[in-house]
Protein backbone atom coordinates (compact mmCIF):
# COMPACT_ATOMS: atom_id res chain seq x y z
CA MET A 1 0.01 0.03 -0.02
CA LEU A 2 1.35 3.41 -0.87
CA GLY A 3 2.05 5.62 2.00
CA PRO A 4 1.63 9.43 2.12
CA ARG A 5 4.13 11.96 0.78
CA THR A 6 6.18 13.35 3.63
CA GLU A 7 6.74 16.95 2.58
CA ILE A 8 4.02 19.12 3.95
CA PRO A 9 3.32 22.34 1.99
CA ALA A 10 3.08 25.64 3.79
CA VAL A 11 -0.36 26.64 4.82
CA GLY A 12 -0.31 29.55 2.64
CA ALA A 13 0.66 27.46 -0.42
CA LEU A 14 -2.32 25.20 -0.10
CA PRO A 15 -5.20 25.38 -2.66
CA THR A 16 -8.62 26.28 -1.15
CA GLY A 17 -9.70 23.59 1.25
CA LEU A 18 -8.00 20.45 2.61
CA VAL A 19 -6.35 18.30 -0.08
CA ASP A 20 -4.24 15.30 0.88
CA SER A 21 -1.17 14.11 -1.03
CA PHE A 22 -3.37 11.93 -3.20
CA ALA A 23 -5.39 14.84 -4.41
CA ARG A 24 -8.39 13.86 -2.27
CA ARG A 25 -10.35 16.80 -1.07
CA VAL A 26 -11.63 16.63 2.60
CA ARG A 27 -14.91 18.18 3.20
CA TYR A 28 -16.47 15.85 5.79
CA LEU A 29 -15.61 15.54 9.48
CA ARG A 30 -17.04 12.91 11.88
CA LEU A 31 -17.10 14.26 15.36
CA SER A 32 -17.40 11.73 18.37
CA LEU A 33 -19.24 13.43 21.31
CA THR A 34 -18.50 10.70 23.83
CA ASP A 35 -17.03 7.19 24.03
CA ARG A 36 -19.92 6.15 26.23
CA CYS A 37 -23.03 4.16 25.01
CA ASN A 38 -26.23 2.85 26.37
CA TYR A 39 -26.10 -0.31 24.24
CA ARG A 40 -23.45 -3.11 24.11
CA CYS A 41 -23.52 -4.25 20.47
CA THR A 42 -21.58 -7.52 19.80
CA TYR A 43 -19.70 -6.10 16.86
CA CYS A 44 -18.74 -2.79 18.53
CA MET A 45 -18.63 -2.92 22.38
CA PRO A 46 -19.48 -6.41 23.84
CA ASP A 47 -18.93 -6.86 27.61
CA ALA A 48 -16.51 -9.62 26.64
CA LEU A 49 -13.86 -6.89 25.96
CA GLY A 50 -13.90 -5.95 29.66
CA ASP A 51 -11.06 -3.69 30.81
CA GLN A 52 -10.04 -2.95 27.22
CA LEU A 53 -12.91 -0.60 27.09
CA ALA A 54 -12.39 1.58 30.11
CA PHE A 55 -14.13 4.95 29.49
CA GLU A 56 -12.08 8.13 29.52
CA PRO A 57 -12.71 10.54 32.44
CA ARG A 58 -15.19 13.23 31.40
CA SER A 59 -12.55 15.94 31.96
CA ALA A 60 -10.64 14.28 28.93
CA LEU A 61 -13.57 14.90 26.55
CA LEU A 62 -13.75 17.99 24.46
CA THR A 63 -16.00 20.61 25.91
CA PHE A 64 -18.74 22.25 23.83
CA GLU A 65 -16.60 25.38 23.37
CA GLU A 66 -13.59 23.35 22.29
CA LEU A 67 -15.82 21.32 19.77
CA GLU A 68 -17.29 24.49 18.36
CA ARG A 69 -13.86 26.04 18.00
CA ILE A 70 -12.43 23.04 16.29
CA ALA A 71 -15.41 22.69 13.96
CA THR A 72 -15.05 26.39 13.04
CA VAL A 73 -11.48 25.91 12.07
CA PHE A 74 -12.37 22.91 10.06
CA ALA A 75 -15.10 25.03 8.31
CA ARG A 76 -12.53 27.63 7.60
CA LEU A 77 -10.51 24.91 5.76
CA GLY A 78 -13.37 23.78 3.62
CA VAL A 79 -15.22 21.18 5.64
CA ARG A 80 -18.83 21.41 4.92
CA LYS A 81 -20.39 18.35 6.51
CA LEU A 82 -20.30 17.27 10.12
CA ARG A 83 -21.59 14.03 11.38
CA LEU A 84 -21.94 13.47 15.18
CA THR A 85 -21.10 10.08 16.45
CA GLY A 86 -20.09 8.27 19.60
CA GLY A 87 -20.24 6.13 21.44
CA GLU A 88 -23.78 7.07 21.44
CA PRO A 89 -24.14 10.93 20.76
CA THR A 90 -27.49 11.32 22.39
CA VAL A 91 -26.16 10.28 25.77
CA ARG A 92 -23.92 13.39 25.88
CA ARG A 93 -25.41 15.87 28.30
CA GLY A 94 -26.71 18.90 26.54
CA VAL A 95 -26.52 17.38 23.03
CA VAL A 96 -29.28 19.62 21.79
CA GLU A 97 -27.44 22.75 22.79
CA LEU A 98 -24.34 21.44 21.16
CA VAL A 99 -26.20 20.81 18.01
CA ARG A 100 -27.40 24.39 17.96
CA ARG A 101 -23.96 25.61 18.31
CA LEU A 102 -22.55 23.47 15.62
CA ALA A 103 -25.33 24.27 13.27
CA SER A 104 -24.43 28.01 13.53
CA VAL A 105 -20.86 27.47 12.55
CA PRO A 106 -20.35 29.61 9.36
CA GLY A 107 -19.60 27.33 6.43
CA ILE A 108 -21.21 24.14 7.70
CA GLU A 109 -23.89 23.15 5.28
CA GLN A 110 -24.85 19.61 6.44
CA LEU A 111 -25.21 18.51 10.16
CA ALA A 112 -26.03 14.89 10.73
CA MET A 113 -25.93 12.25 13.43
CA THR A 114 -25.44 8.55 13.64
CA THR A 115 -27.38 6.99 16.60
CA ASN A 116 -28.83 3.82 17.96
CA GLY A 117 -32.12 5.72 18.17
CA HIS A 118 -32.93 4.65 21.67
CA LEU A 119 -33.45 8.15 22.93
CA LEU A 120 -34.58 9.68 19.61
CA GLY A 121 -38.27 9.43 20.41
CA ASP A 122 -37.85 12.45 22.77
CA LEU A 123 -34.97 14.15 21.21
CA ALA A 124 -35.78 14.10 17.42
CA GLY A 125 -38.00 17.23 17.61
CA PRO A 126 -35.55 19.22 19.65
CA LEU A 127 -32.57 18.18 17.59
CA ALA A 128 -34.23 19.11 14.43
CA GLU A 129 -35.27 22.54 15.83
CA ALA A 130 -31.70 23.08 16.93
CA GLY A 131 -30.43 22.55 13.36
CA LEU A 132 -29.74 18.83 12.80
CA GLY A 133 -30.68 17.73 9.33
CA ALA A 134 -30.32 13.99 9.20
CA VAL A 135 -30.01 10.82 11.30
CA ASN A 136 -28.68 7.34 10.50
CA VAL A 137 -30.28 4.84 13.01
CA SER A 138 -28.82 1.50 13.85
CA LEU A 139 -31.23 -1.26 13.09
CA ASP A 140 -29.74 -4.55 12.70
CA THR A 141 -32.92 -6.83 13.00
CA LEU A 142 -36.71 -6.49 13.17
CA ASP A 143 -37.06 -9.30 15.71
CA PRO A 144 -37.26 -7.96 19.29
CA ALA A 145 -35.42 -10.94 21.00
CA ARG A 146 -32.63 -10.97 18.43
CA PHE A 147 -32.39 -7.15 18.68
CA HIS A 148 -31.80 -7.40 22.47
CA ALA A 149 -29.32 -10.15 22.09
CA ILE A 150 -27.33 -8.12 19.42
CA THR A 151 -27.44 -4.89 21.36
CA GLY A 152 -27.13 -6.36 24.88
CA ARG A 153 -29.55 -3.70 26.31
CA GLY A 154 -31.62 -2.52 23.35
CA ASP A 155 -35.36 -2.07 23.01
CA LEU A 156 -36.48 -2.45 19.47
CA ALA A 157 -39.91 -0.66 20.04
CA ALA A 158 -38.04 2.41 21.37
CA VAL A 159 -35.79 2.54 18.21
CA VAL A 160 -38.74 2.23 15.86
CA ARG A 161 -40.54 5.03 17.88
CA GLY A 162 -37.31 7.03 17.49
CA ILE A 163 -37.15 6.53 13.60
CA ASP A 164 -40.86 7.56 13.25
CA ALA A 165 -40.24 10.53 15.51
CA ALA A 166 -37.27 11.61 13.33
CA ARG A 167 -39.39 11.36 10.31
CA ALA A 168 -42.24 13.41 11.80
CA ALA A 169 -39.68 16.10 12.86
CA GLY A 170 -38.65 16.44 9.18
CA LEU A 171 -35.10 14.80 9.58
CA ARG A 172 -33.74 12.79 6.67
CA VAL A 173 -33.57 9.29 7.91
CA ALA A 174 -31.63 6.32 6.93
CA THR A 175 -31.14 2.87 8.72
CA ASN A 176 -27.86 1.12 9.29
CA ALA A 177 -27.50 -2.69 9.68
CA VAL A 178 -24.27 -4.64 10.03
CA ALA A 179 -24.82 -7.72 7.76
CA LEU A 180 -23.76 -10.89 9.47
CA HIS A 181 -24.35 -14.58 8.51
CA GLY A 182 -26.26 -16.50 11.23
CA VAL A 183 -27.63 -13.20 12.65
CA ASN A 184 -29.58 -11.09 10.28
CA ASP A 185 -28.65 -12.75 6.88
CA GLY A 186 -32.32 -13.91 6.46
CA GLU A 187 -33.69 -10.38 7.11
CA LEU A 188 -32.03 -8.12 4.59
CA ALA A 189 -35.08 -7.95 2.37
CA ALA A 190 -37.34 -7.34 5.43
CA LEU A 191 -35.11 -4.59 6.59
CA CYS A 192 -35.40 -3.01 3.20
CA ALA A 193 -39.13 -3.25 3.28
CA PHE A 194 -39.36 -1.64 6.70
CA ALA A 195 -37.40 1.42 5.54
CA TRP A 196 -38.97 1.71 2.11
CA ASP A 197 -42.39 1.58 3.76
CA ARG A 198 -41.45 4.62 5.56
CA ALA A 199 -39.86 6.35 2.54
CA ILE A 200 -36.34 6.13 4.01
CA THR A 201 -33.21 4.39 2.75
CA PRO A 202 -31.81 1.20 4.32
CA ARG A 203 -28.10 0.76 4.41
CA PHE A 204 -26.05 -2.33 5.03
CA ILE A 205 -22.44 -2.36 6.46
CA GLU A 206 -19.86 -5.04 5.94
CA HIS A 207 -18.43 -6.30 9.23
CA MET A 208 -14.94 -4.71 9.91
CA PRO A 209 -12.13 -6.05 12.15
CA MET A 210 -11.54 -3.37 14.63
CA SER A 211 -10.20 -3.87 18.20
CA SER A 212 -7.12 -5.75 16.68
CA GLY A 213 -9.60 -8.11 15.24
CA ALA A 214 -11.06 -9.30 18.65
CA LEU A 215 -14.59 -8.97 17.62
CA TYR A 216 -14.22 -10.08 13.94
CA ASP A 217 -15.37 -13.36 12.52
CA ALA A 218 -14.72 -13.54 8.83
CA SER A 219 -17.11 -16.55 8.38
CA ALA A 220 -20.03 -14.26 9.62
CA ALA A 221 -19.14 -11.37 7.37
CA ILE A 222 -21.46 -10.75 4.29
CA ALA A 223 -19.83 -9.17 1.35
CA ALA A 224 -21.49 -6.36 -0.48
CA ALA A 225 -22.06 -8.40 -3.71
CA ALA A 226 -23.96 -11.06 -1.44
CA ILE A 227 -26.09 -8.29 0.17
CA ARG A 228 -27.08 -7.01 -3.39
CA ARG A 229 -27.96 -10.53 -4.50
CA ALA A 230 -30.15 -11.11 -1.38
CA VAL A 231 -32.03 -7.80 -2.10
CA GLU A 232 -32.32 -8.86 -5.77
CA ALA A 233 -33.68 -12.19 -5.05
CA THR A 234 -36.78 -10.56 -3.43
CA TYR A 235 -37.12 -7.36 -5.30
CA GLY A 236 -35.44 -7.72 -8.67
CA ALA A 237 -32.53 -6.04 -10.41
CA LEU A 238 -30.62 -3.24 -8.80
CA VAL A 239 -28.82 -0.42 -10.75
CA ALA A 240 -26.12 1.76 -9.49
CA VAL A 241 -27.03 5.31 -8.35
CA VAL A 242 -24.62 8.22 -9.23
CA PRO A 243 -23.85 10.18 -6.03
CA GLU A 244 -25.98 13.40 -5.77
CA SER A 245 -24.19 15.05 -2.89
CA ALA A 246 -20.96 16.98 -3.11
CA ASP A 247 -19.95 15.55 0.30
CA PRO A 248 -20.86 11.83 -0.15
CA GLY A 249 -20.28 9.51 2.85
CA PRO A 250 -18.77 5.96 2.40
CA ALA A 251 -21.95 4.25 1.30
CA ARG A 252 -22.58 3.36 -2.44
CA TYR A 253 -26.18 3.30 -3.49
CA TRP A 254 -28.29 1.18 -5.71
CA ALA A 255 -31.95 1.55 -6.84
CA LEU A 256 -34.64 -0.99 -7.82
CA ALA A 257 -34.81 -1.10 -11.60
CA SER A 258 -38.53 -1.43 -11.26
CA ASP A 259 -38.92 1.46 -8.85
CA PRO A 260 -35.98 3.95 -8.60
CA ARG A 261 -37.47 5.65 -5.65
CA ARG A 262 -36.46 2.48 -3.55
CA ARG A 263 -32.73 2.59 -2.90
CA VAL A 264 -30.37 0.66 -0.84
CA GLY A 265 -26.80 1.76 0.41
CA ILE A 266 -23.96 -0.51 1.26
CA ILE A 267 -20.71 0.46 3.00
CA SER A 268 -18.27 -2.02 1.57
CA ALA A 269 -15.10 -1.37 3.42
CA MET A 270 -13.81 -4.89 3.13
CA THR A 271 -14.61 -6.12 -0.41
CA GLU A 272 -15.28 -3.16 -2.59
CA HIS A 273 -12.88 -0.34 -1.30
CA PHE A 274 -13.86 3.24 -1.68
CA CYS A 275 -10.45 4.73 -0.47
CA ASP A 276 -9.75 6.47 -3.79
CA ASP A 277 -12.39 9.14 -3.12
CA CYS A 278 -12.25 9.18 0.61
CA ASN A 279 -13.29 12.71 1.79
CA ARG A 280 -13.44 12.18 5.60
CA LEU A 281 -11.54 12.60 8.75
CA ARG A 282 -12.61 11.54 12.33
CA LEU A 283 -12.12 13.21 15.59
CA THR A 284 -12.56 11.23 18.84
CA ALA A 285 -14.30 12.54 21.85
CA THR A 286 -10.93 13.23 23.37
CA GLY A 287 -9.67 15.18 20.51
CA GLU A 288 -7.66 12.62 18.60
CA LEU A 289 -7.80 13.30 14.79
CA HIS A 290 -7.62 10.10 12.70
CA ALA A 291 -7.17 10.51 8.98
CA CYS A 292 -8.32 6.93 8.33
CA LEU A 293 -10.66 4.54 10.15
CA GLY A 294 -8.23 1.56 9.31
CA HIS A 295 -5.16 2.93 10.89
CA ASP A 296 -4.25 3.85 14.48
CA ASP A 297 -2.02 6.86 13.82
CA ALA A 298 -3.57 10.17 15.06
CA VAL A 299 -2.68 13.63 16.26
CA SER A 300 -4.17 15.37 19.20
CA LEU A 301 -6.06 18.64 18.67
CA ARG A 302 -7.14 18.72 22.24
CA ASP A 303 -3.53 19.17 23.36
CA VAL A 304 -3.11 22.22 20.95
CA VAL A 305 -6.35 23.77 22.33
CA ARG A 306 -5.57 23.17 25.97
CA THR A 307 -1.88 24.32 25.74
CA GLY A 308 -2.94 27.78 24.37
CA GLY A 309 -2.43 26.97 20.67
CA THR A 310 -3.93 29.53 18.27
CA ASP A 311 -6.29 28.68 15.37
CA ASP A 312 -3.38 28.93 13.07
CA ALA A 313 -1.52 26.28 15.24
CA LEU A 314 -4.65 24.03 14.84
CA VAL A 315 -4.64 24.62 11.10
CA ARG A 316 -0.94 23.48 10.94
CA VAL A 317 -1.66 20.18 12.87
CA ILE A 318 -4.82 19.47 10.72
CA VAL A 319 -2.98 20.12 7.41
CA GLY A 320 -0.20 17.79 8.45
CA ALA A 321 -2.62 15.00 9.38
CA VAL A 322 -4.52 15.50 6.10
CA PHE A 323 -1.25 15.47 4.17
CA GLY A 324 -0.36 12.22 6.07
CA LYS A 325 -3.51 10.53 5.06
CA ARG A 326 -2.74 7.12 3.57
CA SER A 327 -3.82 5.88 0.08
CA GLY A 328 -5.88 3.14 1.69
CA HIS A 329 -6.24 0.73 4.41
CA ALA A 330 -5.46 -3.12 4.98
CA LEU A 331 -8.16 -3.92 7.38
CA ALA A 332 -8.22 -7.61 6.82
CA ALA A 333 -4.40 -8.05 7.28
CA GLN A 334 -3.72 -5.32 9.81
CA PRO A 335 -6.85 -4.55 11.94
CA PRO A 336 -6.43 -1.33 13.96
CA ALA A 337 -6.25 -1.67 17.72
CA LYS A 338 -8.77 1.20 18.22
CA HIS A 339 -12.36 0.19 19.17
CA MET A 340 -15.32 1.19 17.08
CA ILE A 341 -17.02 2.50 20.15
CA GLY A 342 -14.28 5.11 20.46
CA ILE A 343 -14.10 6.34 16.92
CA GLY A 344 -17.72 6.43 15.88
CA GLY A 345 -17.40 4.25 12.67
């Protein structure tokens, strides 16, 4: 795998926006608000990991003021989309006020959230009023007992209420399911039907080997092509959809040939890589900036902020991280040690 170029240009010499050494323009930042979650999903944070998942002290988390300042600097550098993640972002105290602050950052055009949906029934309206535009809600199964087994603590009825509340509040909604043999492989078509009946888009995610591969079972993973075949077996042919957004995420979309309004998204990190046009960075709740989900290297923006660094100092660190962004990952051969719960997917 090619590594990044080592010579970092002077900030004043950069073209408008953040461009890495492979000419990929970064316009999308995922902000983790907390490393805590009210669920214990088997592919993300099972109890079996034990002491490996000690939570950071709350004093280590970026404050609202720090998050707003960092987001403002990223917007100055051309980032136009923010996605709030976790852990579970809705368990962060004061999340509605934080959304209000981030929505008002000049230059931010899209503000979205990825959530398990458990608290969304009460929060969807206030979040929408504060400026949130979209939510992706985790929904791995439609069977209540299986849902509880996958999530450890989850309540399917609460999540469905949250999805419906988000729609009623005017948020753009999509569902996310990690596709796994022996878990939900028989429900892929049903999960599509659930979403399409609500005029929302279902998305499926290939299982990824985070946590040094501790949670990964290659025999359980379902490849993107197999997911498409499962959908086509029930609904007929799928055709590829050209991205409509200037700031697309990692999902690739297909539509039913018989009804183009019905789309399905697939995040195919393992079998159909999308690294060539990656436009994303990830910031953990403790301020570690990761240029790639598949690698552990990171730089601390919290340290810059908390040692009196100026905004220009933040710019220099961010530019260096972007210019060090690798050409791609090797998830299967070299799983990162970091946990999905701490990086927000």
